[in-house]
């Protein structure tokens, strides 16, 4: 494993942060991707591991050229969002931490409008379920429908069987960080700050990833000490 892959892998796992995020997912939603509760998609439904699914790939250095239908059914490539900082959020309507992230993602998109930040939600869910959910909870950023291909797409980012997770990329579509588990405001703002420094040429990629890795670990420890705190 070279230095780039190691840095990405460390940022993906984030030690305590990963465990805390996955535990939060288990406790709050009462379901896992491999064993959904009543009313959640079945194992042969969107958001579930497909039979004989391959192991996830290493975290790529750039956003893969993946295409999903939007809410109107139009094929939309992730590369169409290139040229600006990007958060790609994998979620599902039946995932409680995923739903809790939505107000934060909406706010980040508005607050960082000056940096042209775009947020894209990829729902590992049925299109009909997403449409019904959005009637009650409008989302003002682009939402794409993963359905059966969504789980395979998640593997392209080196992630398997965990929701939610968010991919952060700079304006050159380089993946800077992958946050597994529920995203918190202080985490997102720090990552976006480092992306801004990257885009301005003030720091290098290795430096930015190292700073993000260290800060996310610190924040995870702080949250573990204050379980009542929220993002």
Protein backbone atom coordinates (compact mmCIF):
# COMPACT_ATOMS: atom_id res chain seq x y z
CA UNK A 1 0.00 0.00 0.00
CA UNK A 2 1.52 3.35 -1.02
CA UNK A 3 1.40 6.56 1.04
CA UNK A 4 -1.65 7.91 -0.80
CA UNK A 5 -3.69 4.75 -0.26
CA UNK A 6 -2.60 4.58 3.39
CA UNK A 7 -3.64 8.18 4.02
CA UNK A 8 -7.03 7.62 2.43
CA UNK A 9 -7.56 4.38 4.31
CA UNK A 10 -6.74 6.05 7.62
CA UNK A 11 -9.10 8.94 6.87
CA UNK A 12 -11.82 6.46 5.95
CA UNK A 13 -11.60 4.46 9.14
CA UNK A 14 -10.94 7.30 11.60
CA UNK A 15 -10.54 4.83 14.46
CA UNK A 16 -13.02 5.70 17.19
CA UNK A 17 -15.10 7.81 14.85
CA UNK A 18 -15.97 4.82 12.71
CA UNK A 19 -16.95 2.69 15.69
CA UNK A 20 -19.00 5.51 17.18
CA UNK A 21 -20.75 6.22 13.90
CA UNK A 22 -21.59 2.57 13.29
CA UNK A 23 -22.76 2.10 16.89
CA UNK A 24 -24.93 5.20 16.58
CA UNK A 25 -26.41 3.76 13.41
CA UNK A 26 -27.19 0.44 15.09
CA UNK A 27 -28.71 2.04 18.19
CA UNK A 28 -30.75 4.76 16.53
CA UNK A 29 -32.09 2.90 13.52
CA UNK A 30 -32.42 -0.57 15.04
CA UNK A 31 -31.31 -2.12 11.77
CA UNK A 32 -28.21 -3.08 9.88
CA UNK A 33 -27.70 -3.41 6.17
CA UNK A 34 -27.42 -7.17 6.47
CA UNK A 35 -30.41 -7.60 8.80
CA UNK A 36 -33.03 -4.87 8.30
CA UNK A 37 -35.95 -4.52 10.66
CA UNK A 38 -39.59 -4.75 9.70
CA UNK A 39 -40.48 -2.17 7.09
CA UNK A 40 -36.89 -1.73 5.93
CA UNK A 41 -35.74 -2.95 2.51
CA UNK A 42 -35.17 -6.69 2.42
CA UNK A 43 -31.73 -8.16 1.65
CA UNK A 44 -32.63 -8.31 -2.04
CA UNK A 45 -33.75 -4.69 -2.02
CA UNK A 46 -31.92 -1.39 -2.59
CA UNK A 47 -29.34 -0.64 0.04
CA UNK A 48 -28.67 -4.31 0.79
CA UNK A 49 -25.50 -6.27 -0.04
CA UNK A 50 -26.03 -8.15 -3.27
CA UNK A 51 -25.42 -11.90 -3.30
CA UNK A 52 -21.76 -12.75 -3.76
CA UNK A 53 -20.92 -9.04 -3.80
CA UNK A 54 -17.18 -8.42 -4.20
CA UNK A 55 -15.13 -6.92 -1.40
CA UNK A 56 -14.96 -3.12 -1.48
CA UNK A 57 -12.18 -1.60 -3.51
CA UNK A 58 -9.48 0.67 -2.08
CA UNK A 59 -10.58 4.27 -1.61
CA UNK A 60 -9.91 5.91 -5.00
CA UNK A 61 -7.85 9.07 -5.33
CA UNK A 62 -10.53 10.77 -7.47
CA UNK A 63 -14.33 10.57 -7.66
CA UNK A 64 -15.29 7.59 -9.88
CA UNK A 65 -17.29 8.19 -13.04
CA UNK A 66 -20.55 6.74 -11.74
CA UNK A 67 -24.00 7.50 -13.15
CA UNK A 68 -27.38 7.36 -11.39
CA UNK A 69 -30.90 8.51 -12.29
CA UNK A 70 -32.08 11.72 -10.70
CA UNK A 71 -35.57 12.22 -9.29
CA UNK A 72 -36.94 12.63 -12.81
CA UNK A 73 -35.15 9.57 -14.12
CA UNK A 74 -32.45 11.45 -16.03
CA UNK A 75 -29.04 9.78 -15.98
CA UNK A 76 -26.63 11.96 -14.01
CA UNK A 77 -22.87 11.41 -13.78
CA UNK A 78 -20.94 12.36 -10.67
CA UNK A 79 -18.42 13.92 -13.04
CA UNK A 80 -21.05 16.51 -13.96
CA UNK A 81 -20.39 18.10 -10.56
CA UNK A 82 -16.66 18.49 -11.17
CA UNK A 83 -15.03 21.89 -10.85
CA UNK A 84 -16.21 22.72 -7.33
CA UNK A 85 -15.91 21.20 -3.84
CA UNK A 86 -18.31 18.29 -3.43
CA UNK A 87 -19.93 16.26 -0.67
CA UNK A 88 -21.37 12.94 -1.84
CA UNK A 89 -23.68 11.64 0.87
CA UNK A 90 -24.85 8.00 0.79
CA UNK A 91 -28.12 7.62 2.69
CA UNK A 92 -31.50 5.88 2.86
CA UNK A 93 -34.95 6.94 4.01
CA UNK A 94 -35.09 4.14 6.60
CA UNK A 95 -31.78 5.13 8.22
CA UNK A 96 -32.33 7.45 11.21
CA UNK A 97 -28.80 8.98 11.30
CA UNK A 98 -29.10 9.59 7.54
CA UNK A 99 -32.28 11.58 8.06
CA UNK A 100 -30.69 13.51 10.92
CA UNK A 101 -27.86 14.63 8.61
CA UNK A 102 -30.13 16.27 6.07
CA UNK A 103 -30.56 19.67 7.83
CA UNK A 104 -26.78 19.89 8.27
CA UNK A 105 -26.12 19.09 4.62
CA UNK A 106 -28.67 21.67 3.51
CA UNK A 107 -27.08 24.29 5.76
CA UNK A 108 -23.54 23.51 4.60
CA UNK A 109 -24.57 23.93 0.98
CA UNK A 110 -25.96 27.38 1.74
CA UNK A 111 -23.13 28.53 4.03
CA UNK A 112 -20.40 27.50 1.59
CA UNK A 113 -22.15 28.82 -1.49
CA UNK A 114 -19.27 31.29 -1.94
CA UNK A 115 -16.92 28.33 -2.41
CA UNK A 116 -19.44 26.81 -4.87
CA UNK A 117 -19.85 23.76 -2.66
CA UNK A 118 -22.29 21.19 -4.02
CA UNK A 119 -23.93 18.40 -2.05
CA UNK A 120 -25.22 15.29 -3.80
CA UNK A 121 -27.29 12.68 -1.99
CA UNK A 122 -27.22 9.11 -3.31
CA UNK A 123 -30.15 7.17 -1.88
CA UNK A 124 -29.61 3.44 -1.44
CA UNK A 125 -33.35 3.01 -1.52
CA UNK A 126 -36.36 2.54 -3.77
CA UNK A 127 -37.13 5.54 -5.95
CA UNK A 128 -40.76 5.51 -4.80
CA UNK A 129 -39.71 5.56 -1.15
CA UNK A 130 -37.42 8.52 -1.79
CA UNK A 131 -40.14 10.43 -3.64
CA UNK A 132 -42.59 9.86 -0.80
CA UNK A 133 -40.04 10.95 1.80
CA UNK A 134 -39.21 14.14 -0.09
CA UNK A 135 -42.88 15.13 -0.14
CA UNK A 136 -42.66 15.54 3.64
CA UNK A 137 -38.99 16.55 3.93
CA UNK A 138 -37.88 18.66 0.95
CA UNK A 139 -34.19 18.52 0.04
CA UNK A 140 -32.77 21.42 -1.94
CA UNK A 141 -29.62 19.66 -3.13
CA UNK A 142 -29.44 17.08 -5.96
CA UNK A 143 -30.68 13.61 -5.00
CA UNK A 144 -29.80 10.56 -7.10
CA UNK A 145 -31.38 7.11 -6.81
CA UNK A 146 -29.01 4.22 -6.15
CA UNK A 147 -31.52 1.34 -5.94
CA UNK A 148 -29.80 -1.99 -6.72
CA UNK A 149 -26.63 -0.37 -8.10
CA UNK A 150 -26.14 1.80 -5.04
CA UNK A 151 -24.42 -0.82 -2.91
CA UNK A 152 -21.96 -1.59 -5.69
CA UNK A 153 -21.35 2.14 -6.06
CA UNK A 154 -20.58 2.42 -2.34
CA UNK A 155 -17.95 -0.28 -2.77
CA UNK A 156 -16.30 1.89 -5.42
CA UNK A 157 -15.53 4.33 -2.60
CA UNK A 158 -14.09 1.56 -0.40
CA UNK A 159 -17.13 1.34 1.89
CA UNK A 160 -19.31 -1.69 2.56
CA UNK A 161 -22.49 -2.24 4.61
CA UNK A 162 -22.49 1.03 6.59
CA UNK A 163 -24.84 4.00 6.30
CA UNK A 164 -24.55 6.90 6.27
CA UNK A 165 -21.20 7.92 4.83
CA UNK A 166 -19.99 11.08 3.14
CA UNK A 167 -17.26 11.57 0.54
CA UNK A 168 -15.51 14.96 0.42
CA UNK A 169 -13.77 16.01 -2.80
CA UNK A 170 -11.96 19.20 -3.81
CA UNK A 171 -12.58 21.24 -6.94
CA UNK A 172 -10.33 18.88 -8.91
CA UNK A 173 -12.50 15.89 -7.92
CA UNK A 174 -9.73 14.51 -5.70
CA UNK A 175 -11.10 12.61 -2.71
CA UNK A 176 -9.86 14.33 0.42
CA UNK A 177 -11.78 12.40 3.10
CA UNK A 178 -14.43 9.72 3.54
CA UNK A 179 -16.43 10.07 6.76
CA UNK A 180 -18.19 6.85 7.76
CA UNK A 181 -21.06 7.23 10.20
CA UNK A 182 -23.19 10.26 10.95
CA UNK A 183 -21.58 13.53 9.90
CA UNK A 184 -21.25 16.25 12.55
CA UNK A 185 -21.01 19.96 11.90
CA UNK A 186 -17.55 20.48 13.38
CA UNK A 187 -16.20 17.59 11.28
CA UNK A 188 -17.70 18.90 8.06
CA UNK A 189 -16.53 22.45 8.66
CA UNK A 190 -12.97 21.37 9.38
CA UNK A 191 -12.84 19.19 6.26
CA UNK A 192 -14.28 21.98 4.12
CA UNK A 193 -11.75 24.42 5.59
CA UNK A 194 -8.92 22.11 4.53
CA UNK A 195 -10.47 21.73 1.09
CA UNK A 196 -10.58 25.51 0.78
CA UNK A 197 -6.88 25.67 1.66
CA UNK A 198 -6.19 22.98 -0.92
CA UNK A 199 -8.04 24.82 -3.65
CA UNK A 200 -6.15 28.02 -2.82
CA UNK A 201 -2.84 26.17 -2.94
CA UNK A 202 -2.06 26.90 0.71
CA UNK A 203 -1.57 23.25 1.68
CA UNK A 204 -0.77 20.01 -0.11
CA UNK A 205 -2.97 16.92 -0.21
CA UNK A 206 -0.86 14.90 2.23
CA UNK A 207 -0.87 17.78 4.70
CA UNK A 208 -4.63 18.26 4.39
CA UNK A 209 -5.40 14.57 4.88
CA UNK A 210 -3.11 14.32 7.90
CA UNK A 211 -4.74 17.36 9.49
CA UNK A 212 -8.22 15.94 8.86
CA UNK A 213 -7.28 12.54 10.25
CA UNK A 214 -5.93 14.09 13.46
CA UNK A 215 -8.86 16.46 13.94
CA UNK A 216 -11.55 13.83 13.36
CA UNK A 217 -9.93 11.60 15.96
CA UNK A 218 -9.90 14.50 18.44
CA UNK A 219 -13.56 15.26 17.78
CA UNK A 220 -14.53 11.60 18.14
CA UNK A 221 -12.87 11.49 21.55
CA UNK A 222 -14.62 14.71 22.59
CA UNK A 223 -18.01 13.30 21.58
CA UNK A 224 -17.29 10.07 23.44
CA UNK A 225 -16.70 12.12 26.58
CA UNK A 226 -19.91 14.12 26.01
CA UNK A 227 -22.50 11.59 24.78
CA UNK A 228 -25.31 14.14 24.95
CA UNK A 229 -23.64 16.46 22.47
CA UNK A 230 -25.00 16.56 18.95
CA UNK A 231 -23.68 17.60 15.54
